[in-house]
Amino acid sequence: MLDSIIRPKVQKYFDKIVKHFPFKFLKPNAVSVTGCFLGVFSAILIYFQFKYLAAIFLLTSGLLDILDGTIARVFQKKSLSGCTIDIIFDRVIECSVIFALFFIDPSQRALVSVLLLIGVVMCLTSFFVVSMLSNNTSEKSFYYSPGICERGEAFIFFIIMIIFPTSFQVAGYIFSLLMILTAFIRTFEFLKQNKLSEPLPSNKNDE
């Protein structure tokens, strides 16, 4: 939700920064790799309970996630490889953070951690199904289906769980619920807007 509301307002500033600084010499994929490295490193810092430093590294990885897409779009460097690794790296970071939070206290955090992973899987599955079956009219490489819980909310909840360890249970349950709710609402809205009996496009190879 925050990505859909705030991202368009701040994106213009990222565009200006990219245009006025020598970012055109950077490869978007290299920025993505760096962001993924910082995100995974933040998970390591979480495990060793350097919580404020972990939060800074995680937020920096998020900024690089915005930057790589901006560079690709502004300088016409979009690619299928870039789109692919961007999506995969986002999930690598999320799972790394969840596992790091879990291993701080496995006996007390097991259930919430499992629910968080279930929420990620359900939210991502609904996102890809809707994106795959929808026409893309956006600037992105694929159709972007907004929802209650997007990457902005994920960063907020992760930061809360990192900096305030005692809030892990409550924040984790709320975050899990929002992701699962997002998956159901996204699927329901898609089915409501499309005919349920409409057949999929036929493939000549299937004949």
C-alpha atoms as a PDB file:
ATOM      1  CA  MET A   1       0.000   0.000   0.000  1.00  0.00           C
ATOM      2  CA  LEU A   2       2.773   2.440   0.915  1.00  0.00           C
ATOM      3  CA  ASP A   3       4.622   1.642  -2.304  1.00  0.00           C
ATOM      4  CA  SER A   4       1.550   2.585  -4.335  1.00  0.00           C
ATOM      5  CA  ILE A   5       0.941   5.802  -2.376  1.00  0.00           C
ATOM      6  CA  ILE A   6       4.409   7.125  -1.523  1.00  0.00           C
ATOM      7  CA  ARG A   7       6.609   5.637  -4.267  1.00  0.00           C
ATOM      8  CA  PRO A   8       5.187   7.828  -7.104  1.00  0.00           C
ATOM      9  CA  LYS A   9       5.814  10.942  -4.981  1.00  0.00           C
ATOM     10  CA  VAL A  10       9.445  10.147  -4.140  1.00  0.00           C
ATOM     11  CA  GLN A  11      10.338   8.503  -7.445  1.00  0.00           C
ATOM     12  CA  LYS A  12      10.760  11.870  -9.175  1.00  0.00           C
ATOM     13  CA  TYR A  13      13.533  12.755  -6.725  1.00  0.00           C
ATOM     14  CA  PHE A  14      15.339   9.509  -7.463  1.00  0.00           C
ATOM     15  CA  ASP A  15      15.000  10.302 -11.174  1.00  0.00           C
ATOM     16  CA  LYS A  16      16.615  13.718 -10.658  1.00  0.00           C
ATOM     17  CA  ILE A  17      19.435  12.269  -8.561  1.00  0.00           C
ATOM     18  CA  VAL A  18      20.176   9.599 -11.145  1.00  0.00           C
ATOM     19  CA  LYS A  19      20.140  12.118 -14.012  1.00  0.00           C
ATOM     20  CA  HIS A  20      22.445  14.626 -12.306  1.00  0.00           C
ATOM     21  CA  PHE A  21      25.022  12.182 -10.973  1.00  0.00           C
ATOM     22  CA  PRO A  22      27.170   9.724 -12.959  1.00  0.00           C
ATOM     23  CA  PHE A  23      24.869   6.761 -12.262  1.00  0.00           C
ATOM     24  CA  LYS A  24      24.557   6.052 -15.974  1.00  0.00           C
ATOM     25  CA  PHE A  25      27.920   4.303 -15.796  1.00  0.00           C
ATOM     26  CA  LEU A  26      26.557   1.831 -13.253  1.00  0.00           C
ATOM     27  CA  LYS A  27      24.994  -1.450 -14.306  1.00  0.00           C
ATOM     28  CA  PRO A  28      21.563  -1.992 -12.698  1.00  0.00           C
ATOM     29  CA  ASN A  29      22.401  -5.650 -12.030  1.00  0.00           C
ATOM     30  CA  ALA A  30      25.538  -4.643 -10.135  1.00  0.00           C
ATOM     31  CA  VAL A  31      23.437  -2.326  -7.962  1.00  0.00           C
ATOM     32  CA  SER A  32      20.973  -5.190  -7.367  1.00  0.00           C
ATOM     33  CA  VAL A  33      23.767  -7.529  -6.315  1.00  0.00           C
ATOM     34  CA  THR A  34      25.163  -4.913  -3.926  1.00  0.00           C
ATOM     35  CA  GLY A  35      21.726  -4.351  -2.419  1.00  0.00           C
ATOM     36  CA  CYS A  36      21.247  -8.089  -1.936  1.00  0.00           C
ATOM     37  CA  PHE A  37      24.650  -8.398  -0.271  1.00  0.00           C
ATOM     38  CA  LEU A  38      23.821  -5.570   2.143  1.00  0.00           C
ATOM     39  CA  GLY A  39      20.426  -7.111   2.903  1.00  0.00           C
ATOM     40  CA  VAL A  40      21.904 -10.523   3.676  1.00  0.00           C
ATOM     41  CA  PHE A  41      24.665  -8.897   5.722  1.00  0.00           C
ATOM     42  CA  SER A  42      21.991  -7.111   7.738  1.00  0.00           C
ATOM     43  CA  ALA A  43      20.583 -10.556   8.584  1.00  0.00           C
ATOM     44  CA  ILE A  44      23.991 -11.568   9.930  1.00  0.00           C
ATOM     45  CA  LEU A  45      24.048  -8.395  12.024  1.00  0.00           C
ATOM     46  CA  ILE A  46      20.553  -9.216  13.311  1.00  0.00           C
ATOM     47  CA  TYR A  47      21.714 -12.620  14.503  1.00  0.00           C
ATOM     48  CA  PHE A  48      24.628 -11.062  16.401  1.00  0.00           C
ATOM     49  CA  GLN A  49      22.165  -8.433  17.716  1.00  0.00           C
ATOM     50  CA  PHE A  50      23.776  -5.339  16.215  1.00  0.00           C
ATOM     51  CA  LYS A  51      20.226  -4.127  15.743  1.00  0.00           C
ATOM     52  CA  TYR A  52      20.760  -0.482  14.773  1.00  0.00           C
ATOM     53  CA  LEU A  53      23.530  -1.300  12.329  1.00  0.00           C
ATOM     54  CA  ALA A  54      21.360  -4.101  10.905  1.00  0.00           C
ATOM     55  CA  ALA A  55      18.489  -1.653  10.398  1.00  0.00           C
ATOM     56  CA  ILE A  56      20.788   0.787   8.564  1.00  0.00           C
ATOM     57  CA  PHE A  57      22.093  -1.938   6.234  1.00  0.00           C
ATOM     58  CA  LEU A  58      18.576  -3.186   5.555  1.00  0.00           C
ATOM     59  CA  LEU A  59      17.310   0.305   4.730  1.00  0.00           C
ATOM     60  CA  THR A  60      20.327   0.891   2.470  1.00  0.00           C
ATOM     61  CA  SER A  61      19.557  -2.307   0.590  1.00  0.00           C
ATOM     62  CA  GLY A  62      16.001  -1.012   0.121  1.00  0.00           C
ATOM     63  CA  LEU A  63      17.273   2.278  -1.313  1.00  0.00           C
ATOM     64  CA  LEU A  64      19.505   0.369  -3.731  1.00  0.00           C
ATOM     65  CA  ASP A  65      16.464  -1.667  -4.748  1.00  0.00           C
ATOM     66  CA  ILE A  66      14.783   1.572  -5.829  1.00  0.00           C
ATOM     67  CA  LEU A  67      17.989   2.876  -7.409  1.00  0.00           C
ATOM     68  CA  ASP A  68      18.633  -0.142  -9.656  1.00  0.00           C
ATOM     69  CA  GLY A  69      15.162   0.093 -11.206  1.00  0.00           C
ATOM     70  CA  THR A  70      15.496   3.856 -11.639  1.00  0.00           C
ATOM     71  CA  ILE A  71      18.841   3.502 -13.435  1.00  0.00           C
ATOM     72  CA  ALA A  72      17.409   0.790 -15.685  1.00  0.00           C
ATOM     73  CA  ARG A  73      14.382   2.897 -16.611  1.00  0.00           C
ATOM     74  CA  VAL A  74      16.038   6.316 -16.983  1.00  0.00           C
ATOM     75  CA  PHE A  75      18.963   5.072 -19.063  1.00  0.00           C
ATOM     76  CA  GLN A  76      17.034   2.430 -21.027  1.00  0.00           C
ATOM     77  CA  LYS A  77      18.847  -0.491 -19.419  1.00  0.00           C
ATOM     78  CA  LYS A  78      15.833  -2.672 -18.662  1.00  0.00           C
ATOM     79  CA  SER A  79      16.425  -6.394 -19.126  1.00  0.00           C
ATOM     80  CA  LEU A  80      14.800  -9.717 -18.329  1.00  0.00           C
ATOM     81  CA  SER A  81      17.846 -10.688 -16.267  1.00  0.00           C
ATOM     82  CA  GLY A  82      17.546  -7.499 -14.236  1.00  0.00           C
ATOM     83  CA  CYS A  83      13.843  -8.082 -13.582  1.00  0.00           C
ATOM     84  CA  THR A  84      14.511 -11.693 -12.597  1.00  0.00           C
ATOM     85  CA  ILE A  85      17.359 -11.113 -10.159  1.00  0.00           C
ATOM     86  CA  ASP A  86      15.579  -8.107  -8.647  1.00  0.00           C
ATOM     87  CA  ILE A  87      12.581 -10.239  -7.680  1.00  0.00           C
ATOM     88  CA  ILE A  88      14.712 -13.166  -6.491  1.00  0.00           C
ATOM     89  CA  PHE A  89      17.069 -10.957  -4.464  1.00  0.00           C
ATOM     90  CA  ASP A  90      14.101  -9.318  -2.717  1.00  0.00           C
ATOM     91  CA  ARG A  91      12.958 -12.750  -1.540  1.00  0.00           C
ATOM     92  CA  VAL A  92      16.504 -13.741  -0.532  1.00  0.00           C
ATOM     93  CA  ILE A  93      16.711 -10.679   1.710  1.00  0.00           C
ATOM     94  CA  GLU A  94      13.276 -11.227   3.240  1.00  0.00           C
ATOM     95  CA  CYS A  95      13.937 -14.898   3.994  1.00  0.00           C
ATOM     96  CA  SER A  96      17.397 -14.110   5.372  1.00  0.00           C
ATOM     97  CA  VAL A  97      15.960 -11.542   7.758  1.00  0.00           C
ATOM     98  CA  ILE A  98      13.174 -13.902   8.880  1.00  0.00           C
ATOM     99  CA  PHE A  99      15.650 -16.723   9.554  1.00  0.00           C
ATOM    100  CA  ALA A 100      17.971 -14.369  11.434  1.00  0.00           C
ATOM    101  CA  LEU A 101      15.098 -13.163  13.622  1.00  0.00           C
ATOM    102  CA  PHE A 102      14.086 -16.787  14.220  1.00  0.00           C
ATOM    103  CA  PHE A 103      17.532 -17.962  15.295  1.00  0.00           C
ATOM    104  CA  ILE A 104      17.752 -15.294  17.997  1.00  0.00           C
ATOM    105  CA  ASP A 105      15.294 -17.362  20.046  1.00  0.00           C
ATOM    106  CA  PRO A 106      14.148 -20.470  18.101  1.00  0.00           C
ATOM    107  CA  SER A 107      12.003 -21.941  20.868  1.00  0.00           C
ATOM    108  CA  GLN A 108       9.896 -18.798  21.229  1.00  0.00           C
ATOM    109  CA  ARG A 109       9.889 -17.559  17.646  1.00  0.00           C
ATOM    110  CA  ALA A 110       9.262 -20.738  15.661  1.00  0.00           C
ATOM    111  CA  LEU A 111       5.512 -20.342  15.076  1.00  0.00           C
ATOM    112  CA  VAL A 112       5.679 -16.672  14.119  1.00  0.00           C
ATOM    113  CA  SER A 113       8.617 -17.327  11.779  1.00  0.00           C
ATOM    114  CA  VAL A 114       6.697 -20.116  10.012  1.00  0.00           C
ATOM    115  CA  LEU A 115       3.675 -17.830   9.632  1.00  0.00           C
ATOM    116  CA  LEU A 116       5.905 -15.107   8.183  1.00  0.00           C
ATOM    117  CA  LEU A 117       7.272 -17.519   5.584  1.00  0.00           C
ATOM    118  CA  ILE A 118       3.740 -18.712   4.749  1.00  0.00           C
ATOM    119  CA  GLY A 119       2.677 -15.099   4.337  1.00  0.00           C
ATOM    120  CA  VAL A 120       5.592 -14.386   1.991  1.00  0.00           C
ATOM    121  CA  VAL A 121       4.785 -17.451  -0.144  1.00  0.00           C
ATOM    122  CA  MET A 122       1.060 -16.694  -0.363  1.00  0.00           C
ATOM    123  CA  CYS A 123       1.569 -12.993  -1.065  1.00  0.00           C
ATOM    124  CA  LEU A 124       4.186 -13.675  -3.724  1.00  0.00           C
ATOM    125  CA  THR A 125       2.155 -16.456  -5.368  1.00  0.00           C
ATOM    126  CA  SER A 126      -0.946 -14.278  -5.677  1.00  0.00           C
ATOM    127  CA  PHE A 127       1.203 -11.438  -7.004  1.00  0.00           C
ATOM    128  CA  PHE A 128       2.738 -13.554  -9.760  1.00  0.00           C
ATOM    129  CA  VAL A 129      -0.509 -15.263 -10.752  1.00  0.00           C
ATOM    130  CA  VAL A 130      -2.299 -11.924 -11.143  1.00  0.00           C
ATOM    131  CA  SER A 131       0.702 -10.367 -12.908  1.00  0.00           C
ATOM    132  CA  MET A 132       0.980 -13.300 -15.314  1.00  0.00           C
ATOM    133  CA  LEU A 133      -2.706 -13.206 -16.272  1.00  0.00           C
ATOM    134  CA  SER A 134      -3.054  -9.409 -16.504  1.00  0.00           C
ATOM    135  CA  ASN A 135      -2.144  -6.986 -19.259  1.00  0.00           C
ATOM    136  CA  ASN A 136       0.833  -4.806 -18.378  1.00  0.00           C
ATOM    137  CA  THR A 137       0.168  -1.090 -18.858  1.00  0.00           C
ATOM    138  CA  SER A 138       2.785   0.190 -16.400  1.00  0.00           C
ATOM    139  CA  GLU A 139       6.405   1.281 -16.793  1.00  0.00           C
ATOM    140  CA  LYS A 140       7.564  -1.864 -15.046  1.00  0.00           C
ATOM    141  CA  SER A 141       8.706  -4.986 -16.868  1.00  0.00           C
ATOM    142  CA  PHE A 142       5.588  -6.781 -15.651  1.00  0.00           C
ATOM    143  CA  TYR A 143       2.130  -5.927 -14.368  1.00  0.00           C
ATOM    144  CA  TYR A 144       2.412  -4.665 -10.790  1.00  0.00           C
ATOM    145  CA  SER A 145      -0.516  -5.678  -8.615  1.00  0.00           C
ATOM    146  CA  PRO A 146      -0.762  -3.421  -5.539  1.00  0.00           C
ATOM    147  CA  GLY A 147      -1.933  -4.722  -2.176  1.00  0.00           C
ATOM    148  CA  ILE A 148      -2.320  -3.922   1.515  1.00  0.00           C
ATOM    149  CA  CYS A 149       1.129  -5.281   2.293  1.00  0.00           C
ATOM    150  CA  GLU A 150       3.960  -4.396  -0.092  1.00  0.00           C
ATOM    151  CA  ARG A 151       7.717  -4.020   0.250  1.00  0.00           C
ATOM    152  CA  GLY A 152       7.420  -0.739   2.150  1.00  0.00           C
ATOM    153  CA  GLU A 153       5.326  -2.385   4.863  1.00  0.00           C
ATOM    154  CA  ALA A 154       7.779  -5.311   4.966  1.00  0.00           C
ATOM    155  CA  PHE A 155      10.668  -2.970   5.731  1.00  0.00           C
ATOM    156  CA  ILE A 156       8.668  -1.195   8.439  1.00  0.00           C
ATOM    157  CA  PHE A 157       7.728  -4.428  10.196  1.00  0.00           C
ATOM    158  CA  PHE A 158      11.249  -5.828   9.872  1.00  0.00           C
ATOM    159  CA  ILE A 159      12.739  -2.664  11.362  1.00  0.00           C
ATOM    160  CA  ILE A 160      10.258  -2.813  14.254  1.00  0.00           C
ATOM    161  CA  MET A 161      11.102  -6.467  14.922  1.00  0.00           C
ATOM    162  CA  ILE A 162      14.841  -5.752  14.710  1.00  0.00           C
ATOM    163  CA  ILE A 163      15.019  -2.667  16.915  1.00  0.00           C
ATOM    164  CA  PHE A 164      12.303  -3.707  19.379  1.00  0.00           C
ATOM    165  CA  PRO A 165      12.853  -7.448  20.029  1.00  0.00           C
ATOM    166  CA  THR A 166      10.018  -7.643  22.570  1.00  0.00           C
ATOM    167  CA  SER A 167       7.571  -6.661  19.814  1.00  0.00           C
ATOM    168  CA  PHE A 168       8.556  -9.608  17.595  1.00  0.00           C
ATOM    169  CA  GLN A 169       5.539 -11.765  18.421  1.00  0.00           C
ATOM    170  CA  VAL A 170       2.900  -9.058  17.989  1.00  0.00           C
ATOM    171  CA  ALA A 171       4.524  -7.449  14.936  1.00  0.00           C
ATOM    172  CA  GLY A 172       5.108 -10.868  13.382  1.00  0.00           C
ATOM    173  CA  TYR A 173       1.486 -11.957  13.782  1.00  0.00           C
ATOM    174  CA  ILE A 174       0.199  -8.655  12.368  1.00  0.00           C
ATOM    175  CA  PHE A 175       2.628  -8.750   9.445  1.00  0.00           C
ATOM    176  CA  SER A 176       1.745 -12.373   8.652  1.00  0.00           C
ATOM    177  CA  LEU A 177      -1.968 -11.601   8.782  1.00  0.00           C
ATOM    178  CA  LEU A 178      -1.564  -8.602   6.470  1.00  0.00           C
ATOM    179  CA  MET A 179       0.401 -10.644   3.914  1.00  0.00           C
ATOM    180  CA  ILE A 180      -2.144 -13.468   3.918  1.00  0.00           C
ATOM    181  CA  LEU A 181      -5.006 -10.963   3.754  1.00  0.00           C
ATOM    182  CA  THR A 182      -3.266  -9.226   0.840  1.00  0.00           C
ATOM    183  CA  ALA A 183      -3.053 -12.536  -1.029  1.00  0.00           C
ATOM    184  CA  PHE A 184      -6.767 -13.267  -0.571  1.00  0.00           C
ATOM    185  CA  ILE A 185      -7.923  -9.729  -1.430  1.00  0.00           C
ATOM    186  CA  ARG A 186      -5.669  -9.542  -4.495  1.00  0.00           C
ATOM    187  CA  THR A 187      -6.983 -12.888  -5.749  1.00  0.00           C
ATOM    188  CA  PHE A 188     -10.619 -11.999  -5.013  1.00  0.00           C
ATOM    189  CA  GLU A 189     -10.343  -8.624  -6.777  1.00  0.00           C
ATOM    190  CA  PHE A 190      -8.744 -10.246  -9.813  1.00  0.00           C
ATOM    191  CA  LEU A 191     -11.426 -12.932 -10.031  1.00  0.00           C
ATOM    192  CA  LYS A 192     -14.162 -10.317  -9.585  1.00  0.00           C
ATOM    193  CA  GLN A 193     -12.802  -8.236 -12.464  1.00  0.00           C
ATOM    194  CA  ASN A 194     -12.421 -11.206 -14.791  1.00  0.00           C
ATOM    195  CA  LYS A 195     -14.853 -13.855 -15.939  1.00  0.00           C
ATOM    196  CA  LEU A 196     -14.225 -17.043 -14.016  1.00  0.00           C
ATOM    197  CA  SER A 197     -15.327 -19.158 -16.972  1.00  0.00           C
ATOM    198  CA  GLU A 198     -13.077 -17.380 -19.476  1.00  0.00           C
ATOM    199  CA  PRO A 199     -10.712 -19.980 -20.999  1.00  0.00           C
ATOM    200  CA  LEU A 200      -6.963 -19.527 -21.058  1.00  0.00           C
ATOM    201  CA  PRO A 201      -5.403 -18.712 -24.446  1.00  0.00           C
ATOM    202  CA  SER A 202      -4.873 -21.930 -26.379  1.00  0.00           C
ATOM    203  CA  ASN A 203      -1.390 -23.045 -27.345  1.00  0.00           C
ATOM    204  CA  LYS A 204      -0.997 -24.524 -30.799  1.00  0.00           C
ATOM    205  CA  ASN A 205       1.593 -26.909 -29.430  1.00  0.00           C
ATOM    206  CA  ASP A 206      -1.101 -28.412 -27.212  1.00  0.00           C
ATOM    207  CA  GLU A 207      -3.256 -29.402 -30.188  1.00  0.00           C
END
